């Protein structure tokens, strides 16, 4: 059994910061990449960022790239997301994900094999 557990979500005012963390537990596995997705009520799941074992990083939008920073440790199957200058539109449940196979785009949720339960991020105006 593989489990991904997110932490660090919470309620902040616009302009504030949060740092999300994700750690794998259970059965040992080797990931090709780990990333973050988010989903707001009534909206489709949206790609936020991902990092591969080789250090390649992909961000979902220019806005996210300028405010969010992803980092991780492939050997430990951990990943973090530093979120600065948060905006109300960032409000969503943030999900950690891990993929084993290298085939497919980083921003495609269907290529990820393991998912966390999600952590709520709420940004007030």
PDB file of N, CA and C in Angstrom:
ATOM      1  N   UNK A   1       0.841  -1.181   0.000  1.00  0.00           N
ATOM      2  CA  UNK A   1       0.000   0.000   0.000  1.00  0.00           C
ATOM      3  C   UNK A   1       0.885   1.243   0.000  1.00  0.00           C
ATOM      4  N   UNK A   2       0.564   2.191  -0.870  1.00  0.00           N
ATOM      5  CA  UNK A   2       1.252   3.475  -0.937  1.00  0.00           C
ATOM      6  C   UNK A   2       0.283   4.557  -0.493  1.00  0.00           C
ATOM      7  N   UNK A   3       0.743   5.412   0.396  1.00  0.00           N
ATOM      8  CA  UNK A   3      -0.068   6.528   0.855  1.00  0.00           C
ATOM      9  C   UNK A   3       0.708   7.828   0.711  1.00  0.00           C
ATOM     10  N   UNK A   4       0.034   8.859   0.235  1.00  0.00           N
ATOM     11  CA  UNK A   4       0.586  10.199   0.189  1.00  0.00           C
ATOM     12  C   UNK A   4      -0.220  11.059   1.153  1.00  0.00           C
ATOM     13  N   UNK A   5       0.469  11.793   1.999  1.00  0.00           N
ATOM     14  CA  UNK A   5      -0.189  12.615   3.002  1.00  0.00           C
ATOM     15  C   UNK A   5       0.263  14.058   2.874  1.00  0.00           C
ATOM     16  N   UNK A   6      -0.700  14.960   2.657  1.00  0.00           N
ATOM     17  CA  UNK A   6      -0.414  16.382   2.549  1.00  0.00           C
ATOM     18  C   UNK A   6      -0.590  17.056   3.909  1.00  0.00           C
ATOM     19  N   UNK A   7       0.134  18.147   4.090  1.00  0.00           N
ATOM     20  CA  UNK A   7      -0.019  18.962   5.287  1.00  0.00           C
ATOM     21  C   UNK A   7       0.327  20.405   4.942  1.00  0.00           C
ATOM     22  N   UNK A   8      -0.089  21.327   5.783  1.00  0.00           N
ATOM     23  CA  UNK A   8       0.265  22.725   5.621  1.00  0.00           C
ATOM     24  C   UNK A   8      -0.845  23.634   5.137  1.00  0.00           C
ATOM     25  N   UNK A   9      -1.994  23.078   4.801  1.00  0.00           N
ATOM     26  CA  UNK A   9      -3.105  23.909   4.361  1.00  0.00           C
ATOM     27  C   UNK A   9      -3.681  24.714   5.509  1.00  0.00           C
ATOM     28  N   UNK A  10      -4.504  25.687   5.164  1.00  0.00           N
ATOM     29  CA  UNK A  10      -5.115  26.510   6.190  1.00  0.00           C
ATOM     30  C   UNK A  10      -5.809  27.720   5.617  1.00  0.00           C
ATOM     31  N   UNK A  11      -6.182  28.632   6.503  1.00  0.00           N
ATOM     32  CA  UNK A  11      -6.868  29.867   6.139  1.00  0.00           C
ATOM     33  C   UNK A  11      -5.905  31.035   6.293  1.00  0.00           C
ATOM     34  N   UNK A  12      -5.745  31.805   5.226  1.00  0.00           N
ATOM     35  CA  UNK A  12      -4.869  32.975   5.249  1.00  0.00           C
ATOM     36  C   UNK A  12      -5.544  34.130   4.531  1.00  0.00           C
ATOM     37  N   UNK A  13      -5.082  35.338   4.816  1.00  0.00           N
ATOM     38  CA  UNK A  13      -5.569  36.514   4.116  1.00  0.00           C
ATOM     39  C   UNK A  13      -4.794  36.713   2.821  1.00  0.00           C
ATOM     40  N   UNK A  14      -5.407  37.402   1.879  1.00  0.00           N
ATOM     41  CA  UNK A  14      -4.736  37.691   0.617  1.00  0.00           C
ATOM     42  C   UNK A  14      -3.382  38.343   0.872  1.00  0.00           C
ATOM     43  N   UNK A  15      -2.383  37.884   0.131  1.00  0.00           N
ATOM     44  CA  UNK A  15      -1.030  38.381   0.302  1.00  0.00           C
ATOM     45  C   UNK A  15      -0.183  37.541   1.230  1.00  0.00           C
ATOM     46  N   UNK A  16      -0.808  36.615   1.938  1.00  0.00           N
ATOM     47  CA  UNK A  16      -0.090  35.754   2.854  1.00  0.00           C
ATOM     48  C   UNK A  16       0.574  34.586   2.161  1.00  0.00           C
ATOM     49  N   UNK A  17       1.209  33.744   2.954  1.00  0.00           N
ATOM     50  CA  UNK A  17       1.956  32.602   2.430  1.00  0.00           C
ATOM     51  C   UNK A  17       1.607  31.321   3.169  1.00  0.00           C
ATOM     52  N   UNK A  18       1.742  30.220   2.461  1.00  0.00           N
ATOM     53  CA  UNK A  18       1.601  28.894   3.032  1.00  0.00           C
ATOM     54  C   UNK A  18       2.621  27.982   2.382  1.00  0.00           C
ATOM     55  N   UNK A  19       3.033  26.967   3.112  1.00  0.00           N
ATOM     56  CA  UNK A  19       3.927  25.959   2.566  1.00  0.00           C
ATOM     57  C   UNK A  19       3.266  24.597   2.733  1.00  0.00           C
ATOM     58  N   UNK A  20       2.990  23.947   1.617  1.00  0.00           N
ATOM     59  CA  UNK A  20       2.403  22.621   1.626  1.00  0.00           C
ATOM     60  C   UNK A  20       3.501  21.571   1.527  1.00  0.00           C
ATOM     61  N   UNK A  21       3.312  20.468   2.226  1.00  0.00           N
ATOM     62  CA  UNK A  21       4.269  19.373   2.181  1.00  0.00           C
ATOM     63  C   UNK A  21       3.529  18.075   1.926  1.00  0.00           C
ATOM     64  N   UNK A  22       4.224  17.139   1.305  1.00  0.00           N
ATOM     65  CA  UNK A  22       3.651  15.837   0.998  1.00  0.00           C
ATOM     66  C   UNK A  22       4.720  14.781   1.220  1.00  0.00           C
ATOM     67  N   UNK A  23       4.344  13.716   1.904  1.00  0.00           N
ATOM     68  CA  UNK A  23       5.269  12.623   2.165  1.00  0.00           C
ATOM     69  C   UNK A  23       4.596  11.288   1.869  1.00  0.00           C
ATOM     70  N   UNK A  24       5.355  10.385   1.289  1.00  0.00           N
ATOM     71  CA  UNK A  24       4.856   9.051   0.986  1.00  0.00           C
ATOM     72  C   UNK A  24       5.166   8.098   2.126  1.00  0.00           C
ATOM     73  N   UNK A  25       4.288   7.143   2.318  1.00  0.00           N
ATOM     74  CA  UNK A  25       4.501   6.118   3.323  1.00  0.00           C
ATOM     75  C   UNK A  25       3.949   4.795   2.814  1.00  0.00           C
ATOM     76  N   UNK A  26       4.255   3.731   3.527  1.00  0.00           N
ATOM     77  CA  UNK A  26       3.789   2.422   3.126  1.00  0.00           C
ATOM     78  C   UNK A  26       4.791   1.717   2.226  1.00  0.00           C
ATOM     79  N   UNK A  27       4.286   1.057   1.197  1.00  0.00           N
ATOM     80  CA  UNK A  27       5.137   0.312   0.281  1.00  0.00           C
ATOM     81  C   UNK A  27       6.171   1.199  -0.395  1.00  0.00           C
ATOM     82  N   UNK A  28       7.406   0.720  -0.448  1.00  0.00           N
ATOM     83  CA  UNK A  28       8.474   1.453  -1.103  1.00  0.00           C
ATOM     84  C   UNK A  28       8.254   1.466  -2.615  1.00  0.00           C
ATOM     85  N   UNK A  29       8.453   2.620  -3.225  1.00  0.00           N
ATOM     86  CA  UNK A  29       8.337   2.730  -4.667  1.00  0.00           C
ATOM     87  C   UNK A  29       9.266   3.827  -5.160  1.00  0.00           C
ATOM     88  N   UNK A  30       9.535   3.804  -6.453  1.00  0.00           N
ATOM     89  CA  UNK A  30      10.374   4.813  -7.085  1.00  0.00           C
ATOM     90  C   UNK A  30       9.508   5.667  -7.991  1.00  0.00           C
ATOM     91  N   UNK A  31       9.462   6.942  -7.719  1.00  0.00           N
ATOM     92  CA  UNK A  31       8.650   7.851  -8.523  1.00  0.00           C
ATOM     93  C   UNK A  31       9.488   8.509  -9.605  1.00  0.00           C
ATOM     94  N   UNK A  32       8.858   8.755 -10.737  1.00  0.00           N
ATOM     95  CA  UNK A  32       9.494   9.516 -11.803  1.00  0.00           C
ATOM     96  C   UNK A  32       9.334  11.010 -11.522  1.00  0.00           C
ATOM     97  N   UNK A  33       8.174  11.375 -10.978  1.00  0.00           N
ATOM     98  CA  UNK A  33       7.907  12.769 -10.677  1.00  0.00           C
ATOM     99  C   UNK A  33       6.823  12.856  -9.615  1.00  0.00           C
ATOM    100  N   UNK A  34       6.782  13.982  -8.936  1.00  0.00           N
ATOM    101  CA  UNK A  34       5.709  14.278  -7.998  1.00  0.00           C
ATOM    102  C   UNK A  34       5.218  15.686  -8.280  1.00  0.00           C
ATOM    103  N   UNK A  35       3.952  15.910  -7.990  1.00  0.00           N
ATOM    104  CA  UNK A  35       3.399  17.212  -8.298  1.00  0.00           C
ATOM    105  C   UNK A  35       2.195  17.564  -7.458  1.00  0.00           C
ATOM    106  N   UNK A  36       1.623  18.711  -7.794  1.00  0.00           N
ATOM    107  CA  UNK A  36       0.467  19.248  -7.098  1.00  0.00           C
ATOM    108  C   UNK A  36      -0.619  19.627  -8.088  1.00  0.00           C
ATOM    109  N   UNK A  37      -1.844  19.290  -7.739  1.00  0.00           N
ATOM    110  CA  UNK A  37      -3.036  19.716  -8.450  1.00  0.00           C
ATOM    111  C   UNK A  37      -3.958  20.392  -7.453  1.00  0.00           C
ATOM    112  N   UNK A  38      -4.900  21.166  -7.956  1.00  0.00           N
ATOM    113  CA  UNK A  38      -5.878  21.793  -7.074  1.00  0.00           C
ATOM    114  C   UNK A  38      -7.248  21.768  -7.724  1.00  0.00           C
ATOM    115  N   UNK A  39      -8.277  21.797  -6.883  1.00  0.00           N
ATOM    116  CA  UNK A  39      -9.640  21.777  -7.380  1.00  0.00           C
ATOM    117  C   UNK A  39     -10.523  22.640  -6.493  1.00  0.00           C
ATOM    118  N   UNK A  40     -11.139  23.631  -7.099  1.00  0.00           N
ATOM    119  CA  UNK A  40     -12.081  24.497  -6.411  1.00  0.00           C
ATOM    120  C   UNK A  40     -13.494  23.983  -6.639  1.00  0.00           C
ATOM    121  N   UNK A  41     -14.435  24.312  -5.753  1.00  0.00           N
ATOM    122  CA  UNK A  41     -15.815  23.859  -5.923  1.00  0.00           C
ATOM    123  C   UNK A  41     -16.377  24.269  -7.279  1.00  0.00           C
ATOM    124  N   UNK A  42     -16.956  23.320  -7.982  1.00  0.00           N
ATOM    125  CA  UNK A  42     -17.550  23.598  -9.277  1.00  0.00           C
ATOM    126  C   UNK A  42     -16.561  23.741 -10.415  1.00  0.00           C
ATOM    127  N   UNK A  43     -15.281  23.542 -10.150  1.00  0.00           N
ATOM    128  CA  UNK A  43     -14.255  23.686 -11.174  1.00  0.00           C
ATOM    129  C   UNK A  43     -13.565  22.354 -11.454  1.00  0.00           C
ATOM    130  N   UNK A  44     -12.923  22.274 -12.615  1.00  0.00           N
ATOM    131  CA  UNK A  44     -12.161  21.093 -12.974  1.00  0.00           C
ATOM    132  C   UNK A  44     -10.847  21.075 -12.205  1.00  0.00           C
ATOM    133  N   UNK A  45     -10.301  19.890 -12.019  1.00  0.00           N
ATOM    134  CA  UNK A  45      -9.005  19.776 -11.373  1.00  0.00           C
ATOM    135  C   UNK A  45      -7.944  20.446 -12.246  1.00  0.00           C
ATOM    136  N   UNK A  46      -7.097  21.245 -11.623  1.00  0.00           N
ATOM    137  CA  UNK A  46      -6.129  22.068 -12.329  1.00  0.00           C
ATOM    138  C   UNK A  46      -4.705  21.712 -11.915  1.00  0.00           C
ATOM    139  N   UNK A  47      -3.831  21.591 -12.894  1.00  0.00           N
ATOM    140  CA  UNK A  47      -2.424  21.334 -12.628  1.00  0.00           C
ATOM    141  C   UNK A  47      -1.758  22.576 -12.055  1.00  0.00           C
ATOM    142  N   UNK A  48      -0.959  22.396 -11.009  1.00  0.00           N
ATOM    143  CA  UNK A  48      -0.265  23.507 -10.367  1.00  0.00           C
ATOM    144  C   UNK A  48       1.235  23.471 -10.668  1.00  0.00           C
ATOM    145  N   UNK A  49       1.890  22.360 -10.344  1.00  0.00           N
ATOM    146  CA  UNK A  49       3.332  22.248 -10.544  1.00  0.00           C
ATOM    147  C   UNK A  49       3.764  20.807 -10.377  1.00  0.00           C
ATOM    148  N   UNK A  50       4.899  20.455 -10.974  1.00  0.00           N
ATOM    149  CA  UNK A  50       5.468  19.126 -10.812  1.00  0.00           C
ATOM    150  C   UNK A  50       6.981  19.191 -10.935  1.00  0.00           C
ATOM    151  N   UNK A  51       7.657  18.231 -10.310  1.00  0.00           N
ATOM    152  CA  UNK A  51       9.111  18.135 -10.381  1.00  0.00           C
ATOM    153  C   UNK A  51       9.485  16.685 -10.642  1.00  0.00           C
ATOM    154  N   UNK A  52      10.378  16.473 -11.612  1.00  0.00           N
ATOM    155  CA  UNK A  52      10.839  15.127 -11.946  1.00  0.00           C
ATOM    156  C   UNK A  52      12.121  14.801 -11.196  1.00  0.00           C
ATOM    157  N   UNK A  53      12.499  13.515 -11.237  1.00  0.00           N
ATOM    158  CA  UNK A  53      13.710  13.087 -10.540  1.00  0.00           C
ATOM    159  C   UNK A  53      14.958  13.775 -11.081  1.00  0.00           C
ATOM    160  N   UNK A  54      14.930  14.157 -12.359  1.00  0.00           N
ATOM    161  CA  UNK A  54      16.068  14.809 -12.988  1.00  0.00           C
ATOM    162  C   UNK A  54      16.134  16.304 -12.682  1.00  0.00           C
ATOM    163  N   UNK A  55      15.163  16.811 -11.970  1.00  0.00           N
ATOM    164  CA  UNK A  55      15.150  18.219 -11.611  1.00  0.00           C
ATOM    165  C   UNK A  55      14.315  19.098 -12.514  1.00  0.00           C
ATOM    166  N   UNK A  56      13.680  18.504 -13.514  1.00  0.00           N
ATOM    167  CA  UNK A  56      12.833  19.277 -14.392  1.00  0.00           C
ATOM    168  C   UNK A  56      11.572  19.734 -13.677  1.00  0.00           C
ATOM    169  N   UNK A  57      11.253  21.000 -13.818  1.00  0.00           N
ATOM    170  CA  UNK A  57      10.109  21.581 -13.133  1.00  0.00           C
ATOM    171  C   UNK A  57       9.140  22.175 -14.141  1.00  0.00           C
ATOM    172  N   UNK A  58       7.869  21.942 -13.916  1.00  0.00           N
ATOM    173  CA  UNK A  58       6.816  22.473 -14.769  1.00  0.00           C
ATOM    174  C   UNK A  58       5.782  23.168 -13.894  1.00  0.00           C
ATOM    175  N   UNK A  59       5.375  24.373 -14.292  1.00  0.00           N
ATOM    176  CA  UNK A  59       4.323  25.109 -13.609  1.00  0.00           C
ATOM    177  C   UNK A  59       3.120  25.248 -14.527  1.00  0.00           C
ATOM    178  N   UNK A  60       1.942  25.302 -13.921  1.00  0.00           N
ATOM    179  CA  UNK A  60       0.721  25.306 -14.708  1.00  0.00           C
ATOM    180  C   UNK A  60       0.462  26.592 -15.463  1.00  0.00           C
ATOM    181  N   UNK A  61       0.752  27.727 -14.843  1.00  0.00           N
ATOM    182  CA  UNK A  61       0.517  29.032 -15.449  1.00  0.00           C
ATOM    183  C   UNK A  61       1.640  29.978 -15.083  1.00  0.00           C
ATOM    184  N   UNK A  62       1.753  31.059 -15.846  1.00  0.00           N
ATOM    185  CA  UNK A  62       2.759  32.069 -15.537  1.00  0.00           C
ATOM    186  C   UNK A  62       2.506  32.680 -14.158  1.00  0.00           C
ATOM    187  N   UNK A  63       1.236  32.851 -13.797  1.00  0.00           N
ATOM    188  CA  UNK A  63       0.892  33.409 -12.496  1.00  0.00           C
ATOM    189  C   UNK A  63       1.391  32.517 -11.363  1.00  0.00           C
ATOM    190  N   UNK A  64       1.185  31.224 -11.491  1.00  0.00           N
ATOM    191  CA  UNK A  64       1.642  30.280 -10.482  1.00  0.00           C
ATOM    192  C   UNK A  64       3.167  30.274 -10.412  1.00  0.00           C
ATOM    193  N   UNK A  65       3.818  30.262 -11.564  1.00  0.00           N
ATOM    194  CA  UNK A  65       5.279  30.217 -11.617  1.00  0.00           C
ATOM    195  C   UNK A  65       5.903  31.399 -10.891  1.00  0.00           C
ATOM    196  N   UNK A  66       5.278  32.539 -10.959  1.00  0.00           N
ATOM    197  CA  UNK A  66       5.814  33.731 -10.335  1.00  0.00           C
ATOM    198  C   UNK A  66       5.614  33.791  -8.841  1.00  0.00           C
ATOM    199  N   UNK A  67       4.674  33.018  -8.307  1.00  0.00           N
ATOM    200  CA  UNK A  67       4.342  33.084  -6.886  1.00  0.00           C
ATOM    201  C   UNK A  67       4.596  31.789  -6.128  1.00  0.00           C
ATOM    202  N   UNK A  68       4.563  30.663  -6.823  1.00  0.00           N
ATOM    203  CA  UNK A  68       4.718  29.360  -6.186  1.00  0.00           C
ATOM    204  C   UNK A  68       6.062  28.754  -6.564  1.00  0.00           C
ATOM    205  N   UNK A  69       6.641  27.994  -5.647  1.00  0.00           N
ATOM    206  CA  UNK A  69       7.891  27.295  -5.903  1.00  0.00           C
ATOM    207  C   UNK A  69       7.768  25.859  -5.424  1.00  0.00           C
ATOM    208  N   UNK A  70       8.052  24.913  -6.312  1.00  0.00           N
ATOM    209  CA  UNK A  70       8.000  23.505  -5.951  1.00  0.00           C
ATOM    210  C   UNK A  70       9.411  22.990  -5.696  1.00  0.00           C
ATOM    211  N   UNK A  71       9.550  22.104  -4.733  1.00  0.00           N
ATOM    212  CA  UNK A  71      10.820  21.465  -4.443  1.00  0.00           C
ATOM    213  C   UNK A  71      10.542  20.055  -3.954  1.00  0.00           C
ATOM    214  N   UNK A  72      11.549  19.195  -4.022  1.00  0.00           N
ATOM    215  CA  UNK A  72      11.320  17.830  -3.594  1.00  0.00           C
ATOM    216  C   UNK A  72      12.591  17.037  -3.465  1.00  0.00           C
ATOM    217  N   UNK A  73      12.444  15.835  -2.962  1.00  0.00           N
ATOM    218  CA  UNK A  73      13.542  14.903  -2.771  1.00  0.00           C
ATOM    219  C   UNK A  73      13.079  13.563  -3.317  1.00  0.00           C
ATOM    220  N   UNK A  74      13.590  13.196  -4.480  1.00  0.00           N
ATOM    221  CA  UNK A  74      13.175  11.955  -5.118  1.00  0.00           C
ATOM    222  C   UNK A  74      13.495  10.728  -4.267  1.00  0.00           C
ATOM    223  N   UNK A  75      14.653  10.745  -3.603  1.00  0.00           N
ATOM    224  CA  UNK A  75      15.061   9.608  -2.795  1.00  0.00           C
ATOM    225  C   UNK A  75      14.105   9.365  -1.630  1.00  0.00           C
ATOM    226  N   UNK A  76      13.487  10.426  -1.146  1.00  0.00           N
ATOM    227  CA  UNK A  76      12.576  10.321  -0.014  1.00  0.00           C
ATOM    228  C   UNK A  76      11.109  10.326  -0.417  1.00  0.00           C
ATOM    229  N   UNK A  77      10.840  10.529  -1.696  1.00  0.00           N
ATOM    230  CA  UNK A  77       9.457  10.643  -2.182  1.00  0.00           C
ATOM    231  C   UNK A  77       8.692  11.711  -1.401  1.00  0.00           C
ATOM    232  N   UNK A  78       9.289  12.884  -1.339  1.00  0.00           N
ATOM    233  CA  UNK A  78       8.647  14.017  -0.704  1.00  0.00           C
ATOM    234  C   UNK A  78       8.629  15.196  -1.664  1.00  0.00           C
ATOM    235  N   UNK A  79       7.667  16.071  -1.484  1.00  0.00           N
ATOM    236  CA  UNK A  79       7.556  17.257  -2.316  1.00  0.00           C
ATOM    237  C   UNK A  79       6.890  18.357  -1.504  1.00  0.00           C
ATOM    238  N   UNK A  80       7.292  19.600  -1.768  1.00  0.00           N
ATOM    239  CA  UNK A  80       6.727  20.746  -1.074  1.00  0.00           C
ATOM    240  C   UNK A  80       6.321  21.802  -2.088  1.00  0.00           C
ATOM    241  N   UNK A  81       5.414  22.661  -1.674  1.00  0.00           N
ATOM    242  CA  UNK A  81       4.967  23.767  -2.516  1.00  0.00           C
ATOM    243  C   UNK A  81       4.912  25.017  -1.654  1.00  0.00           C
ATOM    244  N   UNK A  82       5.826  25.939  -1.914  1.00  0.00           N
ATOM    245  CA  UNK A  82       5.832  27.223  -1.227  1.00  0.00           C
ATOM    246  C   UNK A  82       4.950  28.184  -2.005  1.00  0.00           C
ATOM    247  N   UNK A  83       3.930  28.701  -1.360  1.00  0.00           N
ATOM    248  CA  UNK A  83       2.968  29.587  -2.009  1.00  0.00           C
ATOM    249  C   UNK A  83       3.044  30.965  -1.360  1.00  0.00           C
ATOM    250  N   UNK A  84       3.425  31.957  -2.149  1.00  0.00           N
ATOM    251  CA  UNK A  84       3.543  33.325  -1.669  1.00  0.00           C
ATOM    252  C   UNK A  84       2.537  34.227  -2.369  1.00  0.00           C
ATOM    253  N   UNK A  85       2.263  35.365  -1.748  1.00  0.00           N
ATOM    254  CA  UNK A  85       1.330  36.346  -2.312  1.00  0.00           C
ATOM    255  C   UNK A  85       0.032  35.679  -2.754  1.00  0.00           C
ATOM    256  N   UNK A  86      -0.558  34.941  -1.851  1.00  0.00           N
ATOM    257  CA  UNK A  86      -1.769  34.195  -2.171  1.00  0.00           C
ATOM    258  C   UNK A  86      -2.932  35.120  -2.500  1.00  0.00           C
ATOM    259  N   UNK A  87      -3.770  34.661  -3.416  1.00  0.00           N
ATOM    260  CA  UNK A  87      -4.929  35.397  -3.878  1.00  0.00           C
ATOM    261  C   UNK A  87      -6.191  34.581  -3.612  1.00  0.00           C
ATOM    262  N   UNK A  88      -7.346  35.239  -3.500  1.00  0.00           N
ATOM    263  CA  UNK A  88      -8.589  34.494  -3.276  1.00  0.00           C
ATOM    264  C   UNK A  88      -8.828  33.407  -4.322  1.00  0.00           C
ATOM    265  N   UNK A  89      -8.414  33.629  -5.555  1.00  0.00           N
ATOM    266  CA  UNK A  89      -8.605  32.633  -6.599  1.00  0.00           C
ATOM    267  C   UNK A  89      -7.738  31.392  -6.424  1.00  0.00           C
ATOM    268  N   UNK A  90      -6.805  31.418  -5.466  1.00  0.00           N
ATOM    269  CA  UNK A  90      -6.014  30.236  -5.148  1.00  0.00           C
ATOM    270  C   UNK A  90      -6.763  29.288  -4.223  1.00  0.00           C
ATOM    271  N   UNK A  91      -7.901  29.704  -3.704  1.00  0.00           N
ATOM    272  CA  UNK A  91      -8.682  28.871  -2.804  1.00  0.00           C
ATOM    273  C   UNK A  91      -9.093  27.578  -3.499  1.00  0.00           C
ATOM    274  N   UNK A  92      -8.742  26.453  -2.893  1.00  0.00           N
ATOM    275  CA  UNK A  92      -9.026  25.149  -3.480  1.00  0.00           C
ATOM    276  C   UNK A  92      -8.529  24.063  -2.535  1.00  0.00           C
ATOM    277  N   UNK A  93      -8.894  22.835  -2.843  1.00  0.00           N
ATOM    278  CA  UNK A  93      -8.271  21.692  -2.205  1.00  0.00           C
ATOM    279  C   UNK A  93      -7.047  21.336  -3.035  1.00  0.00           C
ATOM    280  N   UNK A  94      -5.904  21.242  -2.390  1.00  0.00           N
ATOM    281  CA  UNK A  94      -4.648  20.936  -3.067  1.00  0.00           C
ATOM    282  C   UNK A  94      -4.293  19.477  -2.851  1.00  0.00           C
ATOM    283  N   UNK A  95      -4.015  18.786  -3.950  1.00  0.00           N
ATOM    284  CA  UNK A  95      -3.708  17.365  -3.922  1.00  0.00           C
ATOM    285  C   UNK A  95      -2.270  17.101  -4.332  1.00  0.00           C
ATOM    286  N   UNK A  96      -1.603  16.260  -3.587  1.00  0.00           N
ATOM    287  CA  UNK A  96      -0.281  15.767  -3.937  1.00  0.00           C
ATOM    288  C   UNK A  96      -0.442  14.519  -4.793  1.00  0.00           C
ATOM    289  N   UNK A  97       0.434  14.345  -5.775  1.00  0.00           N
ATOM    290  CA  UNK A  97       0.375  13.177  -6.646  1.00  0.00           C
ATOM    291  C   UNK A  97       1.773  12.707  -7.005  1.00  0.00           C
ATOM    292  N   UNK A  98       1.898  11.415  -7.276  1.00  0.00           N
ATOM    293  CA  UNK A  98       3.165  10.823  -7.686  1.00  0.00           C
ATOM    294  C   UNK A  98       2.943   9.919  -8.887  1.00  0.00           C
ATOM    295  N   UNK A  99       3.903   9.913  -9.802  1.00  0.00           N
ATOM    296  CA  UNK A  99       3.835   9.068 -10.977  1.00  0.00           C
ATOM    297  C   UNK A  99       5.074   8.200 -11.073  1.00  0.00           C
ATOM    298  N   UNK A 100       4.913   6.999 -11.612  1.00  0.00           N
ATOM    299  CA  UNK A 100       6.002   6.043 -11.725  1.00  0.00           C
ATOM    300  C   UNK A 100       6.565   6.010 -13.144  1.00  0.00           C
ATOM    301  N   UNK A 101       5.694   6.010 -14.139  1.00  0.00           N
ATOM    302  CA  UNK A 101       6.124   5.937 -15.529  1.00  0.00           C
ATOM    303  C   UNK A 101       6.463   7.318 -16.076  1.00  0.00           C
ATOM    304  N   UNK A 102       7.465   7.397 -16.961  1.00  0.00           N
ATOM    305  CA  UNK A 102       7.879   8.691 -17.515  1.00  0.00           C
ATOM    306  C   UNK A 102       7.066   9.146 -18.717  1.00  0.00           C
ATOM    307  N   UNK A 103       6.145   8.331 -19.187  1.00  0.00           N
ATOM    308  CA  UNK A 103       5.395   8.655 -20.396  1.00  0.00           C
ATOM    309  C   UNK A 103       4.173   9.498 -20.075  1.00  0.00           C
ATOM    310  N   UNK A 104       3.958  10.523 -20.882  1.00  0.00           N
ATOM    311  CA  UNK A 104       2.823  11.403 -20.699  1.00  0.00           C
ATOM    312  C   UNK A 104       3.233  12.758 -20.158  1.00  0.00           C
ATOM    313  N   UNK A 105       2.383  13.740 -20.380  1.00  0.00           N
ATOM    314  CA  UNK A 105       2.667  15.111 -19.965  1.00  0.00           C
ATOM    315  C   UNK A 105       2.564  15.269 -18.455  1.00  0.00           C
ATOM    316  N   UNK A 106       3.394  16.128 -17.921  1.00  0.00           N
ATOM    317  CA  UNK A 106       3.412  16.358 -16.481  1.00  0.00           C
ATOM    318  C   UNK A 106       2.108  16.940 -15.957  1.00  0.00           C
ATOM    319  N   UNK A 107       1.409  17.692 -16.810  1.00  0.00           N
ATOM    320  CA  UNK A 107       0.184  18.353 -16.377  1.00  0.00           C
ATOM    321  C   UNK A 107      -1.073  17.516 -16.576  1.00  0.00           C
ATOM    322  N   UNK A 108      -0.916  16.259 -16.946  1.00  0.00           N
ATOM    323  CA  UNK A 108      -2.046  15.365 -17.192  1.00  0.00           C
ATOM    324  C   UNK A 108      -2.295  14.519 -15.947  1.00  0.00           C
ATOM    325  N   UNK A 109      -3.398  14.743 -15.280  1.00  0.00           N
ATOM    326  CA  UNK A 109      -3.702  14.024 -14.045  1.00  0.00           C
ATOM    327  C   UNK A 109      -3.797  12.517 -14.248  1.00  0.00           C
ATOM    328  N   UNK A 110      -4.153  12.102 -15.467  1.00  0.00           N
ATOM    329  CA  UNK A 110      -4.353  10.679 -15.729  1.00  0.00           C
ATOM    330  C   UNK A 110      -3.071   9.864 -15.668  1.00  0.00           C
ATOM    331  N   UNK A 111      -1.901  10.494 -15.791  1.00  0.00           N
ATOM    332  CA  UNK A 111      -0.642   9.750 -15.775  1.00  0.00           C
ATOM    333  C   UNK A 111      -0.091   9.558 -14.360  1.00  0.00           C
ATOM    334  N   UNK A 112      -0.730  10.113 -13.363  1.00  0.00           N
ATOM    335  CA  UNK A 112      -0.278   9.954 -11.985  1.00  0.00           C
ATOM    336  C   UNK A 112      -0.896   8.716 -11.351  1.00  0.00           C
ATOM    337  N   UNK A 113      -0.107   8.011 -10.563  1.00  0.00           N
ATOM    338  CA  UNK A 113      -0.498   6.719 -10.014  1.00  0.00           C
ATOM    339  C   UNK A 113      -1.020   6.780  -8.583  1.00  0.00           C
ATOM    340  N   UNK A 114      -0.505   7.696  -7.805  1.00  0.00           N
ATOM    341  CA  UNK A 114      -0.875   7.789  -6.402  1.00  0.00           C
ATOM    342  C   UNK A 114      -1.290   9.206  -6.054  1.00  0.00           C
ATOM    343  N   UNK A 115      -2.288   9.326  -5.195  1.00  0.00           N
ATOM    344  CA  UNK A 115      -2.845  10.614  -4.819  1.00  0.00           C
ATOM    345  C   UNK A 115      -3.065  10.714  -3.315  1.00  0.00           C
ATOM    346  N   UNK A 116      -2.864  11.903  -2.779  1.00  0.00           N
ATOM    347  CA  UNK A 116      -3.200  12.162  -1.399  1.00  0.00           C
ATOM    348  C   UNK A 116      -4.669  12.518  -1.258  1.00  0.00           C
ATOM    349  N   UNK A 117      -5.115  12.680  -0.027  1.00  0.00           N
ATOM    350  CA  UNK A 117      -6.507  13.001   0.251  1.00  0.00           C
ATOM    351  C   UNK A 117      -6.829  14.474   0.049  1.00  0.00           C
ATOM    352  N   UNK A 118      -5.808  15.312  -0.024  1.00  0.00           N
ATOM    353  CA  UNK A 118      -6.003  16.731  -0.244  1.00  0.00           C
ATOM    354  C   UNK A 118      -5.940  17.542   1.040  1.00  0.00           C
ATOM    355  N   UNK A 119      -5.540  18.790   0.902  1.00  0.00           N
ATOM    356  CA  UNK A 119      -5.513  19.721   2.019  1.00  0.00           C
ATOM    357  C   UNK A 119      -6.141  21.034   1.567  1.00  0.00           C
ATOM    358  N   UNK A 120      -7.009  21.585   2.405  1.00  0.00           N
ATOM    359  CA  UNK A 120      -7.762  22.782   2.045  1.00  0.00           C
ATOM    360  C   UNK A 120      -6.913  24.035   2.207  1.00  0.00           C
ATOM    361  N   UNK A 121      -6.909  24.863   1.179  1.00  0.00           N
ATOM    362  CA  UNK A 121      -6.288  26.182   1.228  1.00  0.00           C
ATOM    363  C   UNK A 121      -7.384  27.208   0.967  1.00  0.00           C
ATOM    364  N   UNK A 122      -7.584  28.103   1.921  1.00  0.00           N
ATOM    365  CA  UNK A 122      -8.597  29.139   1.785  1.00  0.00           C
ATOM    366  C   UNK A 122      -7.941  30.501   1.946  1.00  0.00           C
ATOM    367  N   UNK A 123      -8.134  31.371   0.960  1.00  0.00           N
ATOM    368  CA  UNK A 123      -7.543  32.704   0.974  1.00  0.00           C
ATOM    369  C   UNK A 123      -8.674  33.721   1.011  1.00  0.00           C
ATOM    370  N   UNK A 124      -8.732  34.501   2.064  1.00  0.00           N
ATOM    371  CA  UNK A 124      -9.784  35.498   2.221  1.00  0.00           C
ATOM    372  C   UNK A 124      -9.342  36.831   1.646  1.00  0.00           C
ATOM    373  N   UNK A 125     -10.315  37.619   1.185  1.00  0.00           N
ATOM    374  CA  UNK A 125     -10.026  38.919   0.604  1.00  0.00           C
ATOM    375  C   UNK A 125      -9.972  39.998   1.661  1.00  0.00           C
TER     376      UNK A 125
END
